Amino acid sequence: KILDYAWEKGIRHFDTAPTYKSQKILGEFIKINNLEKEINIFSK
């Protein structure tokens, strides 16, 4: 819900890390919505 709302409101940059439990969720969100060409990721 947070990711969907963020995208809806124009957020295109997301910060994550392999140690976060969210990185795989973010990957799923990107793949499901075909966002590979639009999204900007900061990882670690």
PDB file of all heavy atoms in Angstrom:
ATOM      1  N   LYS A   1       0.840  -1.207   0.000  1.00  0.00           N
ATOM      2  CA  LYS A   1       0.000   0.000   0.000  1.00  0.00           C
ATOM      3  C   LYS A   1       0.873   1.254   0.000  1.00  0.00           C
ATOM      4  O   LYS A   1       0.585   2.232  -0.689  1.00  0.00           O
ATOM      5  CB  LYS A   1      -0.926   0.008   1.217  1.00  0.00           C
ATOM      6  CG  LYS A   1      -2.091  -0.944   1.135  1.00  0.00           C
ATOM      7  CD  LYS A   1      -2.980  -0.806   2.368  1.00  0.00           C
ATOM      8  CE  LYS A   1      -4.170  -1.746   2.314  1.00  0.00           C
ATOM      9  NZ  LYS A   1      -5.029  -1.619   3.513  1.00  0.00           N
ATOM     10  N   ILE A   2       1.934   1.221   0.792  1.00  0.00           N
ATOM     11  CA  ILE A   2       2.853   2.356   0.871  1.00  0.00           C
ATOM     12  C   ILE A   2       3.530   2.582  -0.482  1.00  0.00           C
ATOM     13  O   ILE A   2       3.600   3.714  -0.978  1.00  0.00           O
ATOM     14  CB  ILE A   2       3.914   2.119   1.973  1.00  0.00           C
ATOM     15  CG1 ILE A   2       3.250   2.138   3.356  1.00  0.00           C
ATOM     16  CG2 ILE A   2       5.019   3.177   1.897  1.00  0.00           C
ATOM     17  CD1 ILE A   2       4.150   1.643   4.475  1.00  0.00           C
ATOM     18  N   LEU A   3       4.024   1.504  -1.087  1.00  0.00           N
ATOM     19  CA  LEU A   3       4.704   1.623  -2.376  1.00  0.00           C
ATOM     20  C   LEU A   3       3.756   2.115  -3.468  1.00  0.00           C
ATOM     21  O   LEU A   3       4.111   2.972  -4.279  1.00  0.00           O
ATOM     22  CB  LEU A   3       5.312   0.273  -2.769  1.00  0.00           C
ATOM     23  CG  LEU A   3       6.459  -0.233  -1.881  1.00  0.00           C
ATOM     24  CD1 LEU A   3       6.837  -1.653  -2.262  1.00  0.00           C
ATOM     25  CD2 LEU A   3       7.674   0.682  -1.971  1.00  0.00           C
ATOM     26  N   ASP A   4       2.557   1.577  -3.489  1.00  0.00           N
ATOM     27  CA  ASP A   4       1.556   2.007  -4.482  1.00  0.00           C
ATOM     28  C   ASP A   4       1.227   3.492  -4.328  1.00  0.00           C
ATOM     29  O   ASP A   4       1.170   4.230  -5.316  1.00  0.00           O
ATOM     30  CB  ASP A   4       0.264   1.190  -4.326  1.00  0.00           C
ATOM     31  CG  ASP A   4       0.355  -0.188  -4.972  1.00  0.00           C
ATOM     32  OD1 ASP A   4       1.088  -0.325  -5.967  1.00  0.00           O
ATOM     33  OD2 ASP A   4      -0.302  -1.123  -4.484  1.00  0.00           O
ATOM     34  N   TYR A   5       1.018   3.913  -3.097  1.00  0.00           N
ATOM     35  CA  TYR A   5       0.652   5.305  -2.841  1.00  0.00           C
ATOM     36  C   TYR A   5       1.809   6.244  -3.200  1.00  0.00           C
ATOM     37  O   TYR A   5       1.612   7.314  -3.787  1.00  0.00           O
ATOM     38  CB  TYR A   5       0.267   5.491  -1.378  1.00  0.00           C
ATOM     39  CG  TYR A   5      -0.235   6.872  -1.046  1.00  0.00           C
ATOM     40  CD1 TYR A   5      -1.523   7.265  -1.412  1.00  0.00           C
ATOM     41  CD2 TYR A   5       0.574   7.784  -0.365  1.00  0.00           C
ATOM     42  CE1 TYR A   5      -1.987   8.539  -1.111  1.00  0.00           C
ATOM     43  CE2 TYR A   5       0.115   9.050  -0.070  1.00  0.00           C
ATOM     44  CZ  TYR A   5      -1.164   9.422  -0.442  1.00  0.00           C
ATOM     45  OH  TYR A   5      -1.620  10.684  -0.151  1.00  0.00           O
ATOM     46  N   ALA A   6       3.023   5.822  -2.852  1.00  0.00           N
ATOM     47  CA  ALA A   6       4.204   6.627  -3.175  1.00  0.00           C
ATOM     48  C   ALA A   6       4.315   6.835  -4.682  1.00  0.00           C
ATOM     49  O   ALA A   6       4.548   7.958  -5.160  1.00  0.00           O
ATOM     50  CB  ALA A   6       5.463   5.958  -2.634  1.00  0.00           C
ATOM     51  N   TRP A   7       4.141   5.756  -5.431  1.00  0.00           N
ATOM     52  CA  TRP A   7       4.242   5.857  -6.891  1.00  0.00           C
ATOM     53  C   TRP A   7       3.137   6.747  -7.456  1.00  0.00           C
ATOM     54  O   TRP A   7       3.374   7.579  -8.334  1.00  0.00           O
ATOM     55  CB  TRP A   7       4.171   4.469  -7.510  1.00  0.00           C
ATOM     56  CG  TRP A   7       4.594   4.462  -8.948  1.00  0.00           C
ATOM     57  CD1 TRP A   7       3.793   4.556 -10.047  1.00  0.00           C
ATOM     58  CD2 TRP A   7       5.940   4.423  -9.442  1.00  0.00           C
ATOM     59  NE1 TRP A   7       4.544   4.560 -11.197  1.00  0.00           N
ATOM     60  CE2 TRP A   7       5.869   4.473 -10.848  1.00  0.00           C
ATOM     61  CE3 TRP A   7       7.190   4.332  -8.828  1.00  0.00           C
ATOM     62  CZ2 TRP A   7       6.998   4.439 -11.657  1.00  0.00           C
ATOM     63  CZ3 TRP A   7       8.312   4.296  -9.629  1.00  0.00           C
ATOM     64  CH2 TRP A   7       8.217   4.353 -11.028  1.00  0.00           C
ATOM     65  N   GLU A   8       1.934   6.572  -6.928  1.00  0.00           N
ATOM     66  CA  GLU A   8       0.791   7.376  -7.366  1.00  0.00           C
ATOM     67  C   GLU A   8       1.044   8.868  -7.160  1.00  0.00           C
ATOM     68  O   GLU A   8       0.623   9.700  -7.972  1.00  0.00           O
ATOM     69  CB  GLU A   8      -0.451   6.942  -6.579  1.00  0.00           C
ATOM     70  CG  GLU A   8      -1.711   7.755  -6.849  1.00  0.00           C
ATOM     71  CD  GLU A   8      -2.805   7.448  -5.850  1.00  0.00           C
ATOM     72  OE1 GLU A   8      -2.871   6.293  -5.367  1.00  0.00           O
ATOM     73  OE2 GLU A   8      -3.588   8.358  -5.528  1.00  0.00           O
ATOM     74  N   LYS A   9       1.754   9.210  -6.093  1.00  0.00           N
ATOM     75  CA  LYS A   9       2.008  10.608  -5.765  1.00  0.00           C
ATOM     76  C   LYS A   9       3.280  11.160  -6.414  1.00  0.00           C
ATOM     77  O   LYS A   9       3.707  12.272  -6.119  1.00  0.00           O
ATOM     78  CB  LYS A   9       2.089  10.788  -4.240  1.00  0.00           C
ATOM     79  CG  LYS A   9       0.764  10.532  -3.534  1.00  0.00           C
ATOM     80  CD  LYS A   9      -0.314  11.475  -4.029  1.00  0.00           C
ATOM     81  CE  LYS A   9      -1.660  11.222  -3.382  1.00  0.00           C
ATOM     82  NZ  LYS A   9      -2.712  12.126  -3.897  1.00  0.00           N
ATOM     83  N   GLY A  10       3.887  10.390  -7.296  1.00  0.00           N
ATOM     84  CA  GLY A  10       5.011  10.908  -8.066  1.00  0.00           C
ATOM     85  C   GLY A  10       6.388  10.593  -7.534  1.00  0.00           C
ATOM     86  O   GLY A  10       7.389  11.105  -8.037  1.00  0.00           O
ATOM     87  N   ILE A  11       6.485   9.745  -6.505  1.00  0.00           N
ATOM     88  CA  ILE A  11       7.793   9.364  -5.980  1.00  0.00           C
ATOM     89  C   ILE A  11       8.411   8.315  -6.904  1.00  0.00           C
ATOM     90  O   ILE A  11       7.795   7.284  -7.176  1.00  0.00           O
ATOM     91  CB  ILE A  11       7.675   8.821  -4.543  1.00  0.00           C
ATOM     92  CG1 ILE A  11       7.182   9.940  -3.612  1.00  0.00           C
ATOM     93  CG2 ILE A  11       9.017   8.275  -4.055  1.00  0.00           C
ATOM     94  CD1 ILE A  11       6.854   9.468  -2.204  1.00  0.00           C
ATOM     95  N   ARG A  12       9.606   8.601  -7.388  1.00  0.00           N
ATOM     96  CA  ARG A  12      10.275   7.705  -8.327  1.00  0.00           C
ATOM     97  C   ARG A  12      11.621   7.206  -7.811  1.00  0.00           C
ATOM     98  O   ARG A  12      12.307   6.455  -8.487  1.00  0.00           O
ATOM     99  CB  ARG A  12      10.476   8.425  -9.677  1.00  0.00           C
ATOM    100  CG  ARG A  12       9.164   8.813 -10.371  1.00  0.00           C
ATOM    101  CD  ARG A  12       8.407   7.578 -10.815  1.00  0.00           C
ATOM    102  NE  ARG A  12       7.163   7.900 -11.507  1.00  0.00           N
ATOM    103  CZ  ARG A  12       5.968   7.955 -10.919  1.00  0.00           C
ATOM    104  NH1 ARG A  12       5.860   7.727  -9.615  1.00  0.00           N
ATOM    105  NH2 ARG A  12       4.882   8.230 -11.616  1.00  0.00           N
ATOM    106  N   HIS A  13      12.004   7.644  -6.619  1.00  0.00           N
ATOM    107  CA  HIS A  13      13.276   7.226  -6.020  1.00  0.00           C
ATOM    108  C   HIS A  13      12.995   6.471  -4.722  1.00  0.00           C
ATOM    109  O   HIS A  13      12.203   6.936  -3.883  1.00  0.00           O
ATOM    110  CB  HIS A  13      14.170   8.433  -5.730  1.00  0.00           C
ATOM    111  CG  HIS A  13      14.717   9.088  -6.962  1.00  0.00           C
ATOM    112  ND1 HIS A  13      13.922   9.818  -7.829  1.00  0.00           N
ATOM    113  CD2 HIS A  13      15.982   9.132  -7.476  1.00  0.00           C
ATOM    114  CE1 HIS A  13      14.670  10.277  -8.813  1.00  0.00           C
ATOM    115  NE2 HIS A  13      15.916   9.870  -8.627  1.00  0.00           N
ATOM    116  N   PHE A  14      13.670   5.335  -4.541  1.00  0.00           N
ATOM    117  CA  PHE A  14      13.449   4.491  -3.372  1.00  0.00           C
ATOM    118  C   PHE A  14      14.803   4.041  -2.819  1.00  0.00           C
ATOM    119  O   PHE A  14      15.708   3.711  -3.578  1.00  0.00           O
ATOM    120  CB  PHE A  14      12.617   3.262  -3.748  1.00  0.00           C
ATOM    121  CG  PHE A  14      11.225   3.606  -4.221  1.00  0.00           C
ATOM    122  CD1 PHE A  14      11.016   4.056  -5.527  1.00  0.00           C
ATOM    123  CD2 PHE A  14      10.143   3.494  -3.370  1.00  0.00           C
ATOM    124  CE1 PHE A  14       9.743   4.380  -5.975  1.00  0.00           C
ATOM    125  CE2 PHE A  14       8.862   3.821  -3.811  1.00  0.00           C
ATOM    126  CZ  PHE A  14       8.660   4.273  -5.109  1.00  0.00           C
ATOM    127  N   ASP A  15      14.910   4.029  -1.499  1.00  0.00           N
ATOM    128  CA  ASP A  15      16.158   3.628  -0.843  1.00  0.00           C
ATOM    129  C   ASP A  15      15.942   2.290  -0.147  1.00  0.00           C
ATOM    130  O   ASP A  15      14.961   2.098   0.582  1.00  0.00           O
ATOM    131  CB  ASP A  15      16.571   4.681   0.186  1.00  0.00           C
ATOM    132  CG  ASP A  15      17.859   4.299   0.900  1.00  0.00           C
ATOM    133  OD1 ASP A  15      18.929   4.434   0.281  1.00  0.00           O
ATOM    134  OD2 ASP A  15      17.796   3.856   2.065  1.00  0.00           O
ATOM    135  N   THR A  16      16.872   1.367  -0.360  1.00  0.00           N
ATOM    136  CA  THR A  16      16.754   0.049   0.252  1.00  0.00           C
ATOM    137  C   THR A  16      18.141  -0.509   0.535  1.00  0.00           C
ATOM    138  O   THR A  16      19.152   0.194   0.406  1.00  0.00           O
ATOM    139  CB  THR A  16      15.939  -0.894  -0.668  1.00  0.00           C
ATOM    140  OG1 THR A  16      15.700  -2.124   0.014  1.00  0.00           O
ATOM    141  CG2 THR A  16      16.658  -1.160  -1.986  1.00  0.00           C
ATOM    142  N   ALA A  17      18.199  -1.778   0.921  1.00  0.00           N
ATOM    143  CA  ALA A  17      19.480  -2.456   1.188  1.00  0.00           C
ATOM    144  C   ALA A  17      19.221  -3.951   1.241  1.00  0.00           C
ATOM    145  O   ALA A  17      18.112  -4.376   1.587  1.00  0.00           O
ATOM    146  CB  ALA A  17      20.072  -1.973   2.517  1.00  0.00           C
ATOM    147  N   PRO A  18      20.223  -4.768   0.921  1.00  0.00           N
ATOM    148  CA  PRO A  18      20.032  -6.217   0.971  1.00  0.00           C
ATOM    149  C   PRO A  18      19.731  -6.721   2.381  1.00  0.00           C
ATOM    150  O   PRO A  18      19.138  -7.794   2.542  1.00  0.00           O
ATOM    151  CB  PRO A  18      21.353  -6.776   0.443  1.00  0.00           C
ATOM    152  CG  PRO A  18      22.332  -5.666   0.566  1.00  0.00           C
ATOM    153  CD  PRO A  18      21.552  -4.407   0.426  1.00  0.00           C
ATOM    154  N   THR A  19      20.112  -5.955   3.401  1.00  0.00           N
ATOM    155  CA  THR A  19      19.831  -6.370   4.782  1.00  0.00           C
ATOM    156  C   THR A  19      18.414  -6.011   5.213  1.00  0.00           C
ATOM    157  O   THR A  19      17.944  -6.474   6.246  1.00  0.00           O
ATOM    158  CB  THR A  19      20.825  -5.700   5.751  1.00  0.00           C
ATOM    159  OG1 THR A  19      20.800  -4.276   5.559  1.00  0.00           O
ATOM    160  CG2 THR A  19      22.233  -6.215   5.521  1.00  0.00           C
ATOM    161  N   TYR A  20      17.724  -5.168   4.434  1.00  0.00           N
ATOM    162  CA  TYR A  20      16.326  -4.842   4.743  1.00  0.00           C
ATOM    163  C   TYR A  20      15.435  -5.983   4.256  1.00  0.00           C
ATOM    164  O   TYR A  20      15.693  -6.582   3.209  1.00  0.00           O
ATOM    165  CB  TYR A  20      15.865  -3.559   4.038  1.00  0.00           C
ATOM    166  CG  TYR A  20      16.620  -2.303   4.390  1.00  0.00           C
ATOM    167  CD1 TYR A  20      16.445  -1.147   3.634  1.00  0.00           C
ATOM    168  CD2 TYR A  20      17.507  -2.258   5.456  1.00  0.00           C
ATOM    169  CE1 TYR A  20      17.125   0.025   3.942  1.00  0.00           C
ATOM    170  CE2 TYR A  20      18.194  -1.095   5.760  1.00  0.00           C
ATOM    171  CZ  TYR A  20      18.009   0.047   4.992  1.00  0.00           C
ATOM    172  OH  TYR A  20      18.682   1.195   5.285  1.00  0.00           O
ATOM    173  N   LYS A  21      14.370  -6.227   4.958  1.00  0.00           N
ATOM    174  CA  LYS A  21      13.408  -7.242   4.524  1.00  0.00           C
ATOM    175  C   LYS A  21      12.563  -6.726   3.357  1.00  0.00           C
ATOM    176  O   LYS A  21      11.763  -7.459   2.800  1.00  0.00           O
ATOM    177  CB  LYS A  21      12.509  -7.639   5.689  1.00  0.00           C
ATOM    178  CG  LYS A  21      13.255  -8.353   6.808  1.00  0.00           C
ATOM    179  CD  LYS A  21      12.323  -8.728   7.943  1.00  0.00           C
ATOM    180  CE  LYS A  21      13.075  -9.439   9.053  1.00  0.00           C
ATOM    181  NZ  LYS A  21      12.183  -9.806  10.181  1.00  0.00           N
ATOM    182  N   SER A  22      12.753  -5.463   3.015  1.00  0.00           N
ATOM    183  CA  SER A  22      11.935  -4.832   1.980  1.00  0.00           C
ATOM    184  C   SER A  22      12.514  -4.958   0.573  1.00  0.00           C
ATOM    185  O   SER A  22      11.807  -4.729  -0.397  1.00  0.00           O
ATOM    186  CB  SER A  22      11.771  -3.339   2.288  1.00  0.00           C
ATOM    187  OG  SER A  22      13.037  -2.695   2.278  1.00  0.00           O
ATOM    188  N   GLN A  23      13.789  -5.303   0.447  1.00  0.00           N
ATOM    189  CA  GLN A  23      14.398  -5.240  -0.887  1.00  0.00           C
ATOM    190  C   GLN A  23      13.725  -6.199  -1.869  1.00  0.00           C
ATOM    191  O   GLN A  23      13.459  -5.838  -3.019  1.00  0.00           O
ATOM    192  CB  GLN A  23      15.902  -5.518  -0.818  1.00  0.00           C
ATOM    193  CG  GLN A  23      16.581  -5.443  -2.190  1.00  0.00           C
ATOM    194  CD  GLN A  23      18.018  -4.986  -2.155  1.00  0.00           C
ATOM    195  OE1 GLN A  23      18.297  -3.858  -1.780  1.00  0.00           O
ATOM    196  NE2 GLN A  23      18.939  -5.861  -2.549  1.00  0.00           N
ATOM    197  N   LYS A  24      13.403  -7.400  -1.421  1.00  0.00           N
ATOM    198  CA  LYS A  24      12.724  -8.353  -2.295  1.00  0.00           C
ATOM    199  C   LYS A  24      11.304  -7.886  -2.605  1.00  0.00           C
ATOM    200  O   LYS A  24      10.806  -8.077  -3.724  1.00  0.00           O
ATOM    201  CB  LYS A  24      12.699  -9.737  -1.657  1.00  0.00           C
ATOM    202  CG  LYS A  24      14.057 -10.433  -1.668  1.00  0.00           C
ATOM    203  CD  LYS A  24      13.964 -11.845  -1.121  1.00  0.00           C
ATOM    204  CE  LYS A  24      15.332 -12.533  -1.161  1.00  0.00           C
ATOM    205  NZ  LYS A  24      15.262 -13.905  -0.609  1.00  0.00           N
ATOM    206  N   ILE A  25      10.637  -7.277  -1.620  1.00  0.00           N
ATOM    207  CA  ILE A  25       9.284  -6.751  -1.840  1.00  0.00           C
ATOM    208  C   ILE A  25       9.322  -5.649  -2.889  1.00  0.00           C
ATOM    209  O   ILE A  25       8.481  -5.576  -3.787  1.00  0.00           O
ATOM    210  CB  ILE A  25       8.687  -6.212  -0.526  1.00  0.00           C
ATOM    211  CG1 ILE A  25       8.384  -7.362   0.421  1.00  0.00           C
ATOM    212  CG2 ILE A  25       7.415  -5.389  -0.783  1.00  0.00           C
ATOM    213  CD1 ILE A  25       7.850  -6.947   1.761  1.00  0.00           C
ATOM    214  N   LEU A  26      10.334  -4.791  -2.784  1.00  0.00           N
ATOM    215  CA  LEU A  26      10.489  -3.717  -3.760  1.00  0.00           C
ATOM    216  C   LEU A  26      10.727  -4.296  -5.152  1.00  0.00           C
ATOM    217  O   LEU A  26      10.182  -3.806  -6.152  1.00  0.00           O
ATOM    218  CB  LEU A  26      11.646  -2.801  -3.348  1.00  0.00           C
ATOM    219  CG  LEU A  26      11.851  -1.508  -4.138  1.00  0.00           C
ATOM    220  CD1 LEU A  26      10.574  -0.682  -4.201  1.00  0.00           C
ATOM    221  CD2 LEU A  26      12.993  -0.691  -3.520  1.00  0.00           C
ATOM    222  N   GLY A  27      11.521  -5.368  -5.219  1.00  0.00           N
ATOM    223  CA  GLY A  27      11.756  -6.045  -6.494  1.00  0.00           C
ATOM    224  C   GLY A  27      10.477  -6.612  -7.084  1.00  0.00           C
ATOM    225  O   GLY A  27      10.230  -6.496  -8.292  1.00  0.00           O
ATOM    226  N   GLU A  28       9.649  -7.205  -6.236  1.00  0.00           N
ATOM    227  CA  GLU A  28       8.354  -7.731  -6.694  1.00  0.00           C
ATOM    228  C   GLU A  28       7.468  -6.601  -7.213  1.00  0.00           C
ATOM    229  O   GLU A  28       6.803  -6.734  -8.243  1.00  0.00           O
ATOM    230  CB  GLU A  28       7.663  -8.457  -5.544  1.00  0.00           C
ATOM    231  CG  GLU A  28       8.335  -9.752  -5.124  1.00  0.00           C
ATOM    232  CD  GLU A  28       7.742 -10.325  -3.846  1.00  0.00           C
ATOM    233  OE1 GLU A  28       6.747  -9.752  -3.345  1.00  0.00           O
ATOM    234  OE2 GLU A  28       8.276 -11.335  -3.345  1.00  0.00           O
ATOM    235  N   PHE A  29       7.453  -5.494  -6.491  1.00  0.00           N
ATOM    236  CA  PHE A  29       6.658  -4.327  -6.873  1.00  0.00           C
ATOM    237  C   PHE A  29       7.094  -3.803  -8.243  1.00  0.00           C
ATOM    238  O   PHE A  29       6.268  -3.462  -9.094  1.00  0.00           O
ATOM    239  CB  PHE A  29       6.820  -3.244  -5.802  1.00  0.00           C
ATOM    240  CG  PHE A  29       6.140  -1.949  -6.119  1.00  0.00           C
ATOM    241  CD1 PHE A  29       4.763  -1.812  -6.010  1.00  0.00           C
ATOM    242  CD2 PHE A  29       6.885  -0.839  -6.520  1.00  0.00           C
ATOM    243  CE1 PHE A  29       4.137  -0.604  -6.297  1.00  0.00           C
ATOM    244  CE2 PHE A  29       6.269   0.368  -6.804  1.00  0.00           C
ATOM    245  CZ  PHE A  29       4.891   0.489  -6.693  1.00  0.00           C
ATOM    246  N   ILE A  30       8.399  -3.747  -8.470  1.00  0.00           N
ATOM    247  CA  ILE A  30       8.942  -3.275  -9.749  1.00  0.00           C
ATOM    248  C   ILE A  30       8.537  -4.213 -10.888  1.00  0.00           C
ATOM    249  O   ILE A  30       8.084  -3.763 -11.945  1.00  0.00           O
ATOM    250  CB  ILE A  30      10.484  -3.162  -9.667  1.00  0.00           C
ATOM    251  CG1 ILE A  30      10.881  -2.038  -8.710  1.00  0.00           C
ATOM    252  CG2 ILE A  30      11.084  -2.905 -11.055  1.00  0.00           C
ATOM    253  CD1 ILE A  30      12.359  -2.042  -8.342  1.00  0.00           C
ATOM    254  N   LYS A  31       8.687  -5.519 -10.654  1.00  0.00           N
ATOM    255  CA  LYS A  31       8.401  -6.501 -11.707  1.00  0.00           C
ATOM    256  C   LYS A  31       6.907  -6.546 -12.049  1.00  0.00           C
ATOM    257  O   LYS A  31       6.515  -6.530 -13.233  1.00  0.00           O
ATOM    258  CB  LYS A  31       8.878  -7.884 -11.271  1.00  0.00           C
ATOM    259  CG  LYS A  31       8.757  -8.929 -12.371  1.00  0.00           C
ATOM    260  CD  LYS A  31       9.358 -10.261 -11.914  1.00  0.00           C
ATOM    261  CE  LYS A  31       9.253 -11.291 -13.039  1.00  0.00           C
ATOM    262  NZ  LYS A  31       9.848 -12.594 -12.625  1.00  0.00           N
ATOM    263  N   ILE A  32       6.055  -6.579 -11.035  1.00  0.00           N
ATOM    264  CA  ILE A  32       4.605  -6.667 -11.255  1.00  0.00           C
ATOM    265  C   ILE A  32       4.084  -5.474 -12.046  1.00  0.00           C
ATOM    266  O   ILE A  32       3.219  -5.603 -12.910  1.00  0.00           O
ATOM    267  CB  ILE A  32       3.865  -6.770  -9.897  1.00  0.00           C
ATOM    268  CG1 ILE A  32       4.135  -8.127  -9.248  1.00  0.00           C
ATOM    269  CG2 ILE A  32       2.358  -6.561 -10.077  1.00  0.00           C
ATOM    270  CD1 ILE A  32       3.684  -8.227  -7.809  1.00  0.00           C
ATOM    271  N   ASN A  33       4.649  -4.280 -11.745  1.00  0.00           N
ATOM    272  CA  ASN A  33       4.156  -3.059 -12.373  1.00  0.00           C
ATOM    273  C   ASN A  33       4.987  -2.592 -13.569  1.00  0.00           C
ATOM    274  O   ASN A  33       4.752  -1.510 -14.108  1.00  0.00           O
ATOM    275  CB  ASN A  33       4.095  -1.943 -11.319  1.00  0.00           C
ATOM    276  CG  ASN A  33       3.070  -2.220 -10.244  1.00  0.00           C
ATOM    277  OD1 ASN A  33       1.870  -2.084 -10.457  1.00  0.00           O
ATOM    278  ND2 ASN A  33       3.547  -2.632  -9.064  1.00  0.00           N
ATOM    279  N   ASN A  34       5.971  -3.404 -13.971  1.00  0.00           N
ATOM    280  CA  ASN A  34       6.821  -3.080 -15.129  1.00  0.00           C
ATOM    281  C   ASN A  34       7.446  -1.679 -15.016  1.00  0.00           C
ATOM    282  O   ASN A  34       7.335  -0.848 -15.916  1.00  0.00           O
ATOM    283  CB  ASN A  34       6.008  -3.179 -16.431  1.00  0.00           C
ATOM    284  CG  ASN A  34       5.470  -4.573 -16.673  1.00  0.00           C
ATOM    285  OD1 ASN A  34       6.213  -5.549 -16.559  1.00  0.00           O
ATOM    286  ND2 ASN A  34       4.193  -4.671 -16.986  1.00  0.00           N
ATOM    287  N   LEU A  35       8.131  -1.446 -13.912  1.00  0.00           N
ATOM    288  CA  LEU A  35       8.661  -0.113 -13.625  1.00  0.00           C
ATOM    289  C   LEU A  35      10.160   0.006 -13.890  1.00  0.00           C
ATOM    290  O   LEU A  35      10.781   1.011 -13.532  1.00  0.00           O
ATOM    291  CB  LEU A  35       8.384   0.250 -12.158  1.00  0.00           C
ATOM    292  CG  LEU A  35       6.919   0.166 -11.702  1.00  0.00           C
ATOM    293  CD1 LEU A  35       6.811   0.505 -10.225  1.00  0.00           C
ATOM    294  CD2 LEU A  35       6.040   1.089 -12.531  1.00  0.00           C
ATOM    295  N   GLU A  36      10.730  -1.004 -14.520  1.00  0.00           N
ATOM    296  CA  GLU A  36      12.188  -1.056 -14.680  1.00  0.00           C
ATOM    297  C   GLU A  36      12.777   0.203 -15.317  1.00  0.00           C
ATOM    298  O   GLU A  36      13.887   0.623 -14.951  1.00  0.00           O
ATOM    299  CB  GLU A  36      12.590  -2.275 -15.528  1.00  0.00           C
ATOM    300  CG  GLU A  36      12.312  -3.620 -14.877  1.00  0.00           C
ATOM    301  CD  GLU A  36      10.901  -4.136 -15.139  1.00  0.00           C
ATOM    302  OE1 GLU A  36      10.068  -3.359 -15.680  1.00  0.00           O
ATOM    303  OE2 GLU A  36      10.629  -5.300 -14.804  1.00  0.00           O
ATOM    304  N   LYS A  37      12.064   0.810 -16.252  1.00  0.00           N
ATOM    305  CA  LYS A  37      12.609   1.956 -16.974  1.00  0.00           C
ATOM    306  C   LYS A  37      12.313   3.291 -16.293  1.00  0.00           C
ATOM    307  O   LYS A  37      12.854   4.322 -16.701  1.00  0.00           O
ATOM    308  CB  LYS A  37      12.072   1.973 -18.405  1.00  0.00           C
ATOM    309  CG  LYS A  37      12.555   0.790 -19.248  1.00  0.00           C
ATOM    310  CD  LYS A  37      12.026   0.868 -20.666  1.00  0.00           C
ATOM    311  CE  LYS A  37      12.503  -0.309 -21.508  1.00  0.00           C
ATOM    312  NZ  LYS A  37      11.994  -0.259 -22.901  1.00  0.00           N
ATOM    313  N   GLU A  38      11.471   3.277 -15.274  1.00  0.00           N
ATOM    314  CA  GLU A  38      11.051   4.533 -14.655  1.00  0.00           C
ATOM    315  C   GLU A  38      11.595   4.741 -13.246  1.00  0.00           C
ATOM    316  O   GLU A  38      11.753   5.870 -12.798  1.00  0.00           O
ATOM    317  CB  GLU A  38       9.519   4.602 -14.591  1.00  0.00           C
ATOM    318  CG  GLU A  38       8.826   4.576 -15.934  1.00  0.00           C
ATOM    319  CD  GLU A  38       7.319   4.590 -15.772  1.00  0.00           C
ATOM    320  OE1 GLU A  38       6.777   5.645 -15.384  1.00  0.00           O
ATOM    321  OE2 GLU A  38       6.693   3.547 -16.009  1.00  0.00           O
ATOM    322  N   ILE A  39      11.855   3.640 -12.553  1.00  0.00           N
ATOM    323  CA  ILE A  39      12.192   3.735 -11.133  1.00  0.00           C
ATOM    324  C   ILE A  39      13.689   3.964 -10.929  1.00  0.00           C
ATOM    325  O   ILE A  39      14.519   3.572 -11.750  1.00  0.00           O
ATOM    326  CB  ILE A  39      11.741   2.448 -10.404  1.00  0.00           C
ATOM    327  CG1 ILE A  39      11.609   2.702  -8.895  1.00  0.00           C
ATOM    328  CG2 ILE A  39      12.671   1.278 -10.698  1.00  0.00           C
ATOM    329  CD1 ILE A  39      10.829   1.603  -8.172  1.00  0.00           C
ATOM    330  N   ASN A  40      14.037   4.638  -9.834  1.00  0.00           N
ATOM    331  CA  ASN A  40      15.433   4.877  -9.448  1.00  0.00           C
ATOM    332  C   ASN A  40      15.652   4.297  -8.055  1.00  0.00           C
ATOM    333  O   ASN A  40      14.954   4.674  -7.104  1.00  0.00           O
ATOM    334  CB  ASN A  40      15.735   6.378  -9.425  1.00  0.00           C
ATOM    335  CG  ASN A  40      15.620   6.999 -10.798  1.00  0.00           C
ATOM    336  OD1 ASN A  40      16.493   6.852 -11.631  1.00  0.00           O
ATOM    337  ND2 ASN A  40      14.516   7.700 -11.050  1.00  0.00           N
ATOM    338  N   ILE A  41      16.621   3.397  -7.950  1.00  0.00           N
ATOM    339  CA  ILE A  41      16.859   2.708  -6.683  1.00  0.00           C
ATOM    340  C   ILE A  41      18.225   3.067  -6.102  1.00  0.00           C
ATOM    341  O   ILE A  41      19.240   3.030  -6.794  1.00  0.00           O
ATOM    342  CB  ILE A  41      16.793   1.178  -6.863  1.00  0.00           C
ATOM    343  CG1 ILE A  41      15.440   0.756  -7.433  1.00  0.00           C
ATOM    344  CG2 ILE A  41      17.061   0.476  -5.538  1.00  0.00           C
ATOM    345  CD1 ILE A  41      14.267   0.998  -6.535  1.00  0.00           C
ATOM    346  N   PHE A  42      18.240   3.398  -4.809  1.00  0.00           N
ATOM    347  CA  PHE A  42      19.470   3.497  -4.034  1.00  0.00           C
ATOM    348  C   PHE A  42      19.540   2.232  -3.176  1.00  0.00           C
ATOM    349  O   PHE A  42      18.673   2.005  -2.332  1.00  0.00           O
ATOM    350  CB  PHE A  42      19.461   4.716  -3.110  1.00  0.00           C
ATOM    351  CG  PHE A  42      19.463   6.043  -3.825  1.00  0.00           C
ATOM    352  CD1 PHE A  42      18.854   7.154  -3.242  1.00  0.00           C
ATOM    353  CD2 PHE A  42      20.070   6.206  -5.047  1.00  0.00           C
ATOM    354  CE1 PHE A  42      18.857   8.385  -3.884  1.00  0.00           C
ATOM    355  CE2 PHE A  42      20.079   7.429  -5.702  1.00  0.00           C
ATOM    356  CZ  PHE A  42      19.474   8.523  -5.108  1.00  0.00           C
ATOM    357  N   SER A  43      20.558   1.406  -3.408  1.00  0.00           N
ATOM    358  CA  SER A  43      20.743   0.231  -2.560  1.00  0.00           C
ATOM    359  C   SER A  43      22.116   0.319  -1.896  1.00  0.00           C
ATOM    360  O   SER A  43      22.783   1.355  -1.976  1.00  0.00           O
ATOM    361  CB  SER A  43      20.598  -1.052  -3.370  1.00  0.00           C
ATOM    362  OG  SER A  43      20.554  -2.174  -2.500  1.00  0.00           O
ATOM    363  N   LYS A  44      22.543  -0.760  -1.251  1.00  0.00           N
ATOM    364  CA  LYS A  44      23.799  -0.718  -0.492  1.00  0.00           C
ATOM    365  C   LYS A  44      24.609  -1.987  -0.670  1.00  0.00           C
ATOM    366  O   LYS A  44      24.090  -3.037  -1.042  1.00  0.00           O
ATOM    367  CB  LYS A  44      23.498  -0.488   0.998  1.00  0.00           C
ATOM    368  CG  LYS A  44      22.854   0.857   1.278  1.00  0.00           C
ATOM    369  CD  LYS A  44      22.570   1.042   2.750  1.00  0.00           C
ATOM    370  CE  LYS A  44      21.921   2.398   2.983  1.00  0.00           C
ATOM    371  NZ  LYS A  44      20.555   2.464   2.404  1.00  0.00           N
TER     372      LYS A  44
END
